[in-house]
């Protein structure tokens, strides 16, 4: 998995490529936590995300909780496979997905 961060003022975009699973979720969690100071908008770009496991969902939920206190979070460019995981787990009700 590769993680690319782009900050534009108080907006942070994190693009994730590859598989987000138990092996890679801690890396993403570390990247998110280290970059949220002063961020009011977090954008998770999943255009190149191939797979997400429950560990990845937990990282998203944690980020959503933080961002609900200091701004907003949205997930963009979600593939059909990842969207299916979001729908089955009820994350479509929790996350803003565009």
PDB file of N, CA and C in Angstrom:
ATOM      1  N   UNK A   1       0.842  -1.177   0.000  1.00  0.00           N
ATOM      2  CA  UNK A   1       0.000   0.000   0.000  1.00  0.00           C
ATOM      3  C   UNK A   1       0.889   1.244   0.000  1.00  0.00           C
ATOM      4  N   UNK A   2       0.479   2.238  -0.785  1.00  0.00           N
ATOM      5  CA  UNK A   2       1.171   3.522  -0.759  1.00  0.00           C
ATOM      6  C   UNK A   2       0.179   4.598  -0.336  1.00  0.00           C
ATOM      7  N   UNK A   3       0.691   5.581   0.384  1.00  0.00           N
ATOM      8  CA  UNK A   3      -0.128   6.674   0.909  1.00  0.00           C
ATOM      9  C   UNK A   3       0.480   7.983   0.420  1.00  0.00           C
ATOM     10  N   UNK A   4      -0.364   8.821  -0.158  1.00  0.00           N
ATOM     11  CA  UNK A   4       0.104  10.120  -0.644  1.00  0.00           C
ATOM     12  C   UNK A   4      -0.738  11.199   0.022  1.00  0.00           C
ATOM     13  N   UNK A   5      -0.056  12.143   0.690  1.00  0.00           N
ATOM     14  CA  UNK A   5      -0.764  13.233   1.381  1.00  0.00           C
ATOM     15  C   UNK A   5      -0.532  14.549   0.659  1.00  0.00           C
ATOM     16  N   UNK A   6      -1.614  15.309   0.495  1.00  0.00           N
ATOM     17  CA  UNK A   6      -1.513  16.646  -0.094  1.00  0.00           C
ATOM     18  C   UNK A   6      -2.309  17.601   0.795  1.00  0.00           C
ATOM     19  N   UNK A   7      -1.640  18.630   1.278  1.00  0.00           N
ATOM     20  CA  UNK A   7      -2.317  19.614   2.116  1.00  0.00           C
ATOM     21  C   UNK A   7      -2.487  20.902   1.333  1.00  0.00           C
ATOM     22  N   UNK A   8      -3.681  21.471   1.421  1.00  0.00           N
ATOM     23  CA  UNK A   8      -3.991  22.735   0.782  1.00  0.00           C
ATOM     24  C   UNK A   8      -4.706  23.583   1.820  1.00  0.00           C
ATOM     25  N   UNK A   9      -3.960  24.422   2.526  1.00  0.00           N
ATOM     26  CA  UNK A   9      -4.550  25.190   3.609  1.00  0.00           C
ATOM     27  C   UNK A   9      -5.003  24.260   4.724  1.00  0.00           C
ATOM     28  N   UNK A  10      -6.287  24.334   5.068  1.00  0.00           N
ATOM     29  CA  UNK A  10      -6.812  23.477   6.138  1.00  0.00           C
ATOM     30  C   UNK A  10      -7.460  22.209   5.591  1.00  0.00           C
ATOM     31  N   UNK A  11      -7.250  21.937   4.306  1.00  0.00           N
ATOM     32  CA  UNK A  11      -7.789  20.733   3.674  1.00  0.00           C
ATOM     33  C   UNK A  11      -6.657  19.740   3.430  1.00  0.00           C
ATOM     34  N   UNK A  12      -6.865  18.496   3.849  1.00  0.00           N
ATOM     35  CA  UNK A  12      -5.870  17.444   3.670  1.00  0.00           C
ATOM     36  C   UNK A  12      -6.483  16.315   2.852  1.00  0.00           C
ATOM     37  N   UNK A  13      -5.809  15.950   1.762  1.00  0.00           N
ATOM     38  CA  UNK A  13      -6.238  14.817   0.943  1.00  0.00           C
ATOM     39  C   UNK A  13      -5.240  13.691   1.133  1.00  0.00           C
ATOM     40  N   UNK A  14      -5.771  12.514   1.453  1.00  0.00           N
ATOM     41  CA  UNK A  14      -4.936  11.333   1.593  1.00  0.00           C
ATOM     42  C   UNK A  14      -5.386  10.322   0.545  1.00  0.00           C
ATOM     43  N   UNK A  15      -4.492  10.031  -0.406  1.00  0.00           N
ATOM     44  CA  UNK A  15      -4.789   9.058  -1.458  1.00  0.00           C
ATOM     45  C   UNK A  15      -4.138   7.735  -1.075  1.00  0.00           C
ATOM     46  N   UNK A  16      -4.936   6.683  -1.095  1.00  0.00           N
ATOM     47  CA  UNK A  16      -4.455   5.360  -0.705  1.00  0.00           C
ATOM     48  C   UNK A  16      -4.491   4.453  -1.930  1.00  0.00           C
ATOM     49  N   UNK A  17      -3.395   3.726  -2.136  1.00  0.00           N
ATOM     50  CA  UNK A  17      -3.303   2.826  -3.279  1.00  0.00           C
ATOM     51  C   UNK A  17      -2.939   1.431  -2.786  1.00  0.00           C
ATOM     52  N   UNK A  18      -3.629   0.425  -3.306  1.00  0.00           N
ATOM     53  CA  UNK A  18      -3.316  -0.966  -2.946  1.00  0.00           C
ATOM     54  C   UNK A  18      -4.367  -1.566  -2.034  1.00  0.00           C
ATOM     55  N   UNK A  19      -3.892  -2.283  -1.007  1.00  0.00           N
ATOM     56  CA  UNK A  19      -4.776  -2.989  -0.086  1.00  0.00           C
ATOM     57  C   UNK A  19      -4.694  -2.370   1.299  1.00  0.00           C
ATOM     58  N   UNK A  20      -5.861  -2.091   1.883  1.00  0.00           N
ATOM     59  CA  UNK A  20      -5.930  -1.563   3.241  1.00  0.00           C
ATOM     60  C   UNK A  20      -6.436  -2.692   4.132  1.00  0.00           C
ATOM     61  N   UNK A  21      -5.492  -3.356   4.809  1.00  0.00           N
ATOM     62  CA  UNK A  21      -5.845  -4.532   5.616  1.00  0.00           C
ATOM     63  C   UNK A  21      -5.099  -4.493   6.948  1.00  0.00           C
ATOM     64  N   UNK A  22      -5.095  -5.601   7.668  1.00  0.00           N
ATOM     65  CA  UNK A  22      -4.483  -5.622   9.001  1.00  0.00           C
ATOM     66  C   UNK A  22      -2.996  -5.279   8.961  1.00  0.00           C
ATOM     67  N   UNK A  23      -2.332  -5.569   7.867  1.00  0.00           N
ATOM     68  CA  UNK A  23      -0.908  -5.276   7.746  1.00  0.00           C
ATOM     69  C   UNK A  23      -0.652  -3.800   7.498  1.00  0.00           C
ATOM     70  N   UNK A  24      -1.493  -3.171   6.697  1.00  0.00           N
ATOM     71  CA  UNK A  24      -1.235  -1.787   6.276  1.00  0.00           C
ATOM     72  C   UNK A  24      -2.044  -0.736   7.037  1.00  0.00           C
ATOM     73  N   UNK A  25      -3.112  -1.139   7.716  1.00  0.00           N
ATOM     74  CA  UNK A  25      -3.965  -0.182   8.439  1.00  0.00           C
ATOM     75  C   UNK A  25      -3.190   0.657   9.464  1.00  0.00           C
ATOM     76  N   UNK A  26      -2.254   0.068  10.232  1.00  0.00           N
ATOM     77  CA  UNK A  26      -1.507   0.903  11.190  1.00  0.00           C
ATOM     78  C   UNK A  26      -0.714   2.027  10.522  1.00  0.00           C
ATOM     79  N   UNK A  27      -0.215   1.784   9.305  1.00  0.00           N
ATOM     80  CA  UNK A  27       0.517   2.825   8.573  1.00  0.00           C
ATOM     81  C   UNK A  27      -0.402   3.995   8.239  1.00  0.00           C
ATOM     82  N   UNK A  28      -1.611   3.670   7.763  1.00  0.00           N
ATOM     83  CA  UNK A  28      -2.558   4.728   7.421  1.00  0.00           C
ATOM     84  C   UNK A  28      -2.992   5.481   8.675  1.00  0.00           C
ATOM     85  N   UNK A  29      -3.227   4.741   9.752  1.00  0.00           N
ATOM     86  CA  UNK A  29      -3.634   5.370  11.010  1.00  0.00           C
ATOM     87  C   UNK A  29      -2.580   6.370  11.485  1.00  0.00           C
ATOM     88  N   UNK A  30      -1.313   5.987  11.374  1.00  0.00           N
ATOM     89  CA  UNK A  30      -0.209   6.852  11.778  1.00  0.00           C
ATOM     90  C   UNK A  30      -0.167   8.107  10.904  1.00  0.00           C
ATOM     91  N   UNK A  31      -0.337   7.939   9.592  1.00  0.00           N
ATOM     92  CA  UNK A  31      -0.319   9.070   8.661  1.00  0.00           C
ATOM     93  C   UNK A  31      -1.474  10.041   8.941  1.00  0.00           C
ATOM     94  N   UNK A  32      -2.647   9.503   9.221  1.00  0.00           N
ATOM     95  CA  UNK A  32      -3.805  10.353   9.494  1.00  0.00           C
ATOM     96  C   UNK A  32      -3.589  11.124  10.795  1.00  0.00           C
ATOM     97  N   UNK A  33      -3.220  10.411  11.847  1.00  0.00           N
ATOM     98  CA  UNK A  33      -3.048  11.062  13.150  1.00  0.00           C
ATOM     99  C   UNK A  33      -1.975  12.137  13.127  1.00  0.00           C
ATOM    100  N   UNK A  34      -0.918  11.918  12.362  1.00  0.00           N
ATOM    101  CA  UNK A  34       0.180  12.893  12.327  1.00  0.00           C
ATOM    102  C   UNK A  34      -0.158  14.117  11.493  1.00  0.00           C
ATOM    103  N   UNK A  35      -1.228  14.050  10.711  1.00  0.00           N
ATOM    104  CA  UNK A  35      -1.501  15.152   9.798  1.00  0.00           C
ATOM    105  C   UNK A  35      -2.753  15.963  10.066  1.00  0.00           C
ATOM    106  N   UNK A  36      -3.448  15.715  11.185  1.00  0.00           N
ATOM    107  CA  UNK A  36      -4.750  16.356  11.379  1.00  0.00           C
ATOM    108  C   UNK A  36      -4.720  17.682  12.137  1.00  0.00           C
ATOM    109  N   UNK A  37      -3.574  18.116  12.638  1.00  0.00           N
ATOM    110  CA  UNK A  37      -3.517  19.397  13.339  1.00  0.00           C
ATOM    111  C   UNK A  37      -3.885  20.534  12.403  1.00  0.00           C
ATOM    112  N   UNK A  38      -4.915  21.281  12.761  1.00  0.00           N
ATOM    113  CA  UNK A  38      -5.345  22.419  11.966  1.00  0.00           C
ATOM    114  C   UNK A  38      -6.138  22.064  10.725  1.00  0.00           C
ATOM    115  N   UNK A  39      -6.440  20.789  10.534  1.00  0.00           N
ATOM    116  CA  UNK A  39      -7.200  20.358   9.359  1.00  0.00           C
ATOM    117  C   UNK A  39      -8.692  20.415   9.669  1.00  0.00           C
ATOM    118  N   UNK A  40      -9.449  21.094   8.792  1.00  0.00           N
ATOM    119  CA  UNK A  40     -10.902  21.150   8.964  1.00  0.00           C
ATOM    120  C   UNK A  40     -11.630  20.308   7.923  1.00  0.00           C
ATOM    121  N   UNK A  41     -10.902  19.888   6.880  1.00  0.00           N
ATOM    122  CA  UNK A  41     -11.499  19.014   5.869  1.00  0.00           C
ATOM    123  C   UNK A  41     -10.510  17.906   5.530  1.00  0.00           C
ATOM    124  N   UNK A  42     -10.943  16.663   5.755  1.00  0.00           N
ATOM    125  CA  UNK A  42     -10.132  15.503   5.406  1.00  0.00           C
ATOM    126  C   UNK A  42     -10.807  14.788   4.247  1.00  0.00           C
ATOM    127  N   UNK A  43     -10.045  14.591   3.177  1.00  0.00           N
ATOM    128  CA  UNK A  43     -10.560  13.891   2.000  1.00  0.00           C
ATOM    129  C   UNK A  43      -9.750  12.614   1.825  1.00  0.00           C
ATOM    130  N   UNK A  44     -10.440  11.494   1.856  1.00  0.00           N
ATOM    131  CA  UNK A  44      -9.795  10.199   1.622  1.00  0.00           C
ATOM    132  C   UNK A  44     -10.076   9.820   0.172  1.00  0.00           C
ATOM    133  N   UNK A  45      -9.022   9.735  -0.640  1.00  0.00           N
ATOM    134  CA  UNK A  45      -9.168   9.407  -2.053  1.00  0.00           C
ATOM    135  C   UNK A  45      -8.856   7.921  -2.244  1.00  0.00           C
ATOM    136  N   UNK A  46      -9.897   7.157  -2.572  1.00  0.00           N
ATOM    137  CA  UNK A  46      -9.758   5.706  -2.697  1.00  0.00           C
ATOM    138  C   UNK A  46      -9.789   5.242  -4.155  1.00  0.00           C
ATOM    139  N   UNK A  47      -9.426   6.134  -5.075  1.00  0.00           N
ATOM    140  CA  UNK A  47      -9.473   5.786  -6.499  1.00  0.00           C
ATOM    141  C   UNK A  47      -8.646   4.539  -6.817  1.00  0.00           C
ATOM    142  N   UNK A  48      -7.509   4.377  -6.153  1.00  0.00           N
ATOM    143  CA  UNK A  48      -6.618   3.254  -6.445  1.00  0.00           C
ATOM    144  C   UNK A  48      -6.592   2.229  -5.313  1.00  0.00           C
ATOM    145  N   UNK A  49      -7.619   2.275  -4.448  1.00  0.00           N
ATOM    146  CA  UNK A  49      -7.709   1.288  -3.366  1.00  0.00           C
ATOM    147  C   UNK A  49      -8.387   0.037  -3.907  1.00  0.00           C
ATOM    148  N   UNK A  50      -7.693  -1.097  -3.782  1.00  0.00           N
ATOM    149  CA  UNK A  50      -8.204  -2.359  -4.329  1.00  0.00           C
ATOM    150  C   UNK A  50      -9.051  -3.137  -3.329  1.00  0.00           C
ATOM    151  N   UNK A  51      -8.764  -2.962  -2.036  1.00  0.00           N
ATOM    152  CA  UNK A  51      -9.383  -3.823  -1.026  1.00  0.00           C
ATOM    153  C   UNK A  51      -9.359  -3.116   0.316  1.00  0.00           C
ATOM    154  N   UNK A  52     -10.410  -3.310   1.111  1.00  0.00           N
ATOM    155  CA  UNK A  52     -10.429  -2.775   2.473  1.00  0.00           C
ATOM    156  C   UNK A  52     -10.957  -3.854   3.410  1.00  0.00           C
ATOM    157  N   UNK A  53     -10.263  -4.051   4.526  1.00  0.00           N
ATOM    158  CA  UNK A  53     -10.685  -5.043   5.517  1.00  0.00           C
ATOM    159  C   UNK A  53     -11.295  -4.332   6.724  1.00  0.00           C
ATOM    160  N   UNK A  54     -11.689  -5.111   7.712  1.00  0.00           N
ATOM    161  CA  UNK A  54     -12.266  -4.530   8.923  1.00  0.00           C
ATOM    162  C   UNK A  54     -11.260  -3.631   9.633  1.00  0.00           C
ATOM    163  N   UNK A  55      -9.977  -3.947   9.527  1.00  0.00           N
ATOM    164  CA  UNK A  55      -8.948  -3.090  10.130  1.00  0.00           C
ATOM    165  C   UNK A  55      -8.933  -1.719   9.451  1.00  0.00           C
ATOM    166  N   UNK A  56      -9.103  -1.699   8.138  1.00  0.00           N
ATOM    167  CA  UNK A  56      -9.176  -0.443   7.406  1.00  0.00           C
ATOM    168  C   UNK A  56     -10.421   0.346   7.767  1.00  0.00           C
ATOM    169  N   UNK A  57     -11.529  -0.360   7.943  1.00  0.00           N
ATOM    170  CA  UNK A  57     -12.778   0.301   8.348  1.00  0.00           C
ATOM    171  C   UNK A  57     -12.614   0.958   9.715  1.00  0.00           C
ATOM    172  N   UNK A  58     -11.917   0.287  10.617  1.00  0.00           N
ATOM    173  CA  UNK A  58     -11.692   0.825  11.959  1.00  0.00           C
ATOM    174  C   UNK A  58     -10.899   2.131  11.882  1.00  0.00           C
ATOM    175  N   UNK A  59      -9.898   2.193  11.006  1.00  0.00           N
ATOM    176  CA  UNK A  59      -9.108   3.414  10.836  1.00  0.00           C
ATOM    177  C   UNK A  59      -9.996   4.546  10.320  1.00  0.00           C
ATOM    178  N   UNK A  60     -10.874   4.236   9.365  1.00  0.00           N
ATOM    179  CA  UNK A  60     -11.794   5.251   8.835  1.00  0.00           C
ATOM    180  C   UNK A  60     -12.746   5.751   9.912  1.00  0.00           C
ATOM    181  N   UNK A  61     -13.249   4.836  10.716  1.00  0.00           N
ATOM    182  CA  UNK A  61     -14.174   5.213  11.785  1.00  0.00           C
ATOM    183  C   UNK A  61     -13.484   6.127  12.794  1.00  0.00           C
ATOM    184  N   UNK A  62     -12.272   5.798  13.138  1.00  0.00           N
ATOM    185  CA  UNK A  62     -11.485   6.613  14.064  1.00  0.00           C
ATOM    186  C   UNK A  62     -11.256   8.013  13.493  1.00  0.00           C
ATOM    187  N   UNK A  63     -10.906   8.090  12.222  1.00  0.00           N
ATOM    188  CA  UNK A  63     -10.676   9.387  11.566  1.00  0.00           C
ATOM    189  C   UNK A  63     -11.980  10.190  11.510  1.00  0.00           C
ATOM    190  N   UNK A  64     -13.089   9.507  11.239  1.00  0.00           N
ATOM    191  CA  UNK A  64     -14.392  10.172  11.173  1.00  0.00           C
ATOM    192  C   UNK A  64     -14.746  10.793  12.523  1.00  0.00           C
ATOM    193  N   UNK A  65     -14.457  10.073  13.615  1.00  0.00           N
ATOM    194  CA  UNK A  65     -14.759  10.593  14.955  1.00  0.00           C
ATOM    195  C   UNK A  65     -13.960  11.851  15.243  1.00  0.00           C
ATOM    196  N   UNK A  66     -12.683  11.852  14.889  1.00  0.00           N
ATOM    197  CA  UNK A  66     -11.838  13.026  15.105  1.00  0.00           C
ATOM    198  C   UNK A  66     -12.333  14.194  14.258  1.00  0.00           C
ATOM    199  N   UNK A  67     -12.600  13.927  12.980  1.00  0.00           N
ATOM    200  CA  UNK A  67     -12.992  15.005  12.075  1.00  0.00           C
ATOM    201  C   UNK A  67     -14.381  15.548  12.375  1.00  0.00           C
ATOM    202  N   UNK A  68     -15.258  14.761  12.976  1.00  0.00           N
ATOM    203  CA  UNK A  68     -16.586  15.281  13.319  1.00  0.00           C
ATOM    204  C   UNK A  68     -16.480  16.362  14.399  1.00  0.00           C
ATOM    205  N   UNK A  69     -15.374  16.368  15.143  1.00  0.00           N
ATOM    206  CA  UNK A  69     -15.155  17.388  16.174  1.00  0.00           C
ATOM    207  C   UNK A  69     -14.475  18.629  15.622  1.00  0.00           C
ATOM    208  N   UNK A  70     -13.670  18.472  14.558  1.00  0.00           N
ATOM    209  CA  UNK A  70     -12.893  19.620  14.085  1.00  0.00           C
ATOM    210  C   UNK A  70     -13.194  20.019  12.645  1.00  0.00           C
ATOM    211  N   UNK A  71     -14.163  19.367  12.019  1.00  0.00           N
ATOM    212  CA  UNK A  71     -14.491  19.724  10.639  1.00  0.00           C
ATOM    213  C   UNK A  71     -15.281  18.628   9.962  1.00  0.00           C
ATOM    214  N   UNK A  72     -14.843  18.245   8.768  1.00  0.00           N
ATOM    215  CA  UNK A  72     -15.579  17.235   8.005  1.00  0.00           C
ATOM    216  C   UNK A  72     -14.621  16.261   7.343  1.00  0.00           C
ATOM    217  N   UNK A  73     -15.176  15.114   6.975  1.00  0.00           N
ATOM    218  CA  UNK A  73     -14.391  14.103   6.271  1.00  0.00           C
ATOM    219  C   UNK A  73     -15.256  13.532   5.171  1.00  0.00           C
ATOM    220  N   UNK A  74     -14.647  13.299   4.014  1.00  0.00           N
ATOM    221  CA  UNK A  74     -15.379  12.624   2.947  1.00  0.00           C
ATOM    222  C   UNK A  74     -14.465  11.635   2.249  1.00  0.00           C
ATOM    223  N   UNK A  75     -15.073  10.627   1.669  1.00  0.00           N
ATOM    224  CA  UNK A  75     -14.354   9.594   0.931  1.00  0.00           C
ATOM    225  C   UNK A  75     -14.761   9.741  -0.526  1.00  0.00           C
ATOM    226  N   UNK A  76     -13.758   9.834  -1.414  1.00  0.00           N
ATOM    227  CA  UNK A  76     -14.063  10.039  -2.828  1.00  0.00           C
ATOM    228  C   UNK A  76     -13.476   8.918  -3.681  1.00  0.00           C
ATOM    229  N   UNK A  77     -13.979   8.799  -4.899  1.00  0.00           N
ATOM    230  CA  UNK A  77     -13.492   7.837  -5.903  1.00  0.00           C
ATOM    231  C   UNK A  77     -13.491   6.401  -5.379  1.00  0.00           C
ATOM    232  N   UNK A  78     -14.599   5.976  -4.808  1.00  0.00           N
ATOM    233  CA  UNK A  78     -14.692   4.634  -4.237  1.00  0.00           C
ATOM    234  C   UNK A  78     -15.070   3.629  -5.323  1.00  0.00           C
ATOM    235  N   UNK A  79     -14.303   2.550  -5.414  1.00  0.00           N
ATOM    236  CA  UNK A  79     -14.584   1.505  -6.412  1.00  0.00           C
ATOM    237  C   UNK A  79     -15.848   0.730  -6.006  1.00  0.00           C
ATOM    238  N   UNK A  80     -16.404  -0.008  -6.947  1.00  0.00           N
ATOM    239  CA  UNK A  80     -17.599  -0.806  -6.665  1.00  0.00           C
ATOM    240  C   UNK A  80     -17.340  -1.833  -5.570  1.00  0.00           C
ATOM    241  N   UNK A  81     -16.161  -2.445  -5.578  1.00  0.00           N
ATOM    242  CA  UNK A  81     -15.831  -3.462  -4.585  1.00  0.00           C
ATOM    243  C   UNK A  81     -15.771  -2.870  -3.174  1.00  0.00           C
ATOM    244  N   UNK A  82     -15.098  -1.728  -3.028  1.00  0.00           N
ATOM    245  CA  UNK A  82     -14.999  -1.069  -1.725  1.00  0.00           C
ATOM    246  C   UNK A  82     -16.370  -0.536  -1.307  1.00  0.00           C
ATOM    247  N   UNK A  83     -17.136  -0.004  -2.254  1.00  0.00           N
ATOM    248  CA  UNK A  83     -18.478   0.495  -1.948  1.00  0.00           C
ATOM    249  C   UNK A  83     -19.362  -0.633  -1.422  1.00  0.00           C
ATOM    250  N   UNK A  84     -19.205  -1.817  -1.978  1.00  0.00           N
ATOM    251  CA  UNK A  84     -19.981  -2.964  -1.516  1.00  0.00           C
ATOM    252  C   UNK A  84     -19.662  -3.272  -0.046  1.00  0.00           C
ATOM    253  N   UNK A  85     -18.392  -3.184   0.315  1.00  0.00           N
ATOM    254  CA  UNK A  85     -17.994  -3.392   1.717  1.00  0.00           C
ATOM    255  C   UNK A  85     -18.642  -2.318   2.596  1.00  0.00           C
ATOM    256  N   UNK A  86     -18.610  -1.056   2.145  1.00  0.00           N
ATOM    257  CA  UNK A  86     -19.231   0.031   2.902  1.00  0.00           C
ATOM    258  C   UNK A  86     -20.730  -0.216   3.090  1.00  0.00           C
ATOM    259  N   UNK A  87     -21.400  -0.684   2.040  1.00  0.00           N
ATOM    260  CA  UNK A  87     -22.844  -0.921   2.111  1.00  0.00           C
ATOM    261  C   UNK A  87     -23.175  -2.066   3.058  1.00  0.00           C
ATOM    262  N   UNK A  88     -22.450  -3.168   2.952  1.00  0.00           N
ATOM    263  CA  UNK A  88     -22.712  -4.342   3.785  1.00  0.00           C
ATOM    264  C   UNK A  88     -22.473  -4.037   5.267  1.00  0.00           C
ATOM    265  N   UNK A  89     -21.458  -3.206   5.553  1.00  0.00           N
ATOM    266  CA  UNK A  89     -21.111  -2.913   6.938  1.00  0.00           C
ATOM    267  C   UNK A  89     -21.866  -1.723   7.511  1.00  0.00           C
ATOM    268  N   UNK A  90     -22.653  -1.035   6.680  1.00  0.00           N
ATOM    269  CA  UNK A  90     -23.396   0.130   7.159  1.00  0.00           C
ATOM    270  C   UNK A  90     -22.588   1.414   7.157  1.00  0.00           C
ATOM    271  N   UNK A  91     -21.381   1.379   6.614  1.00  0.00           N
ATOM    272  CA  UNK A  91     -20.536   2.577   6.589  1.00  0.00           C
ATOM    273  C   UNK A  91     -21.079   3.655   5.657  1.00  0.00           C
ATOM    274  N   UNK A  92     -21.978   3.283   4.754  1.00  0.00           N
ATOM    275  CA  UNK A  92     -22.581   4.311   3.886  1.00  0.00           C
ATOM    276  C   UNK A  92     -23.444   5.269   4.710  1.00  0.00           C
ATOM    277  N   UNK A  93     -23.894   4.816   5.883  1.00  0.00           N
ATOM    278  CA  UNK A  93     -24.669   5.688   6.779  1.00  0.00           C
ATOM    279  C   UNK A  93     -23.782   6.551   7.655  1.00  0.00           C
ATOM    280  N   UNK A  94     -22.523   6.141   7.817  1.00  0.00           N
ATOM    281  CA  UNK A  94     -21.597   6.831   8.720  1.00  0.00           C
ATOM    282  C   UNK A  94     -20.736   7.839   7.977  1.00  0.00           C
ATOM    283  N   UNK A  95     -20.268   7.457   6.799  1.00  0.00           N
ATOM    284  CA  UNK A  95     -19.333   8.265   6.037  1.00  0.00           C
ATOM    285  C   UNK A  95     -20.023   9.098   4.965  1.00  0.00           C
ATOM    286  N   UNK A  96     -19.400  10.208   4.609  1.00  0.00           N
ATOM    287  CA  UNK A  96     -19.825  10.979   3.443  1.00  0.00           C
ATOM    288  C   UNK A  96     -19.021  10.446   2.274  1.00  0.00           C
ATOM    289  N   UNK A  97     -19.720   9.823   1.314  1.00  0.00           N
ATOM    290  CA  UNK A  97     -19.047   9.200   0.181  1.00  0.00           C
ATOM    291  C   UNK A  97     -19.495   9.888  -1.105  1.00  0.00           C
ATOM    292  N   UNK A  98     -18.538  10.356  -1.868  1.00  0.00           N
ATOM    293  CA  UNK A  98     -18.848  11.062  -3.124  1.00  0.00           C
ATOM    294  C   UNK A  98     -18.225  10.336  -4.295  1.00  0.00           C
TER     295      UNK A  98
END
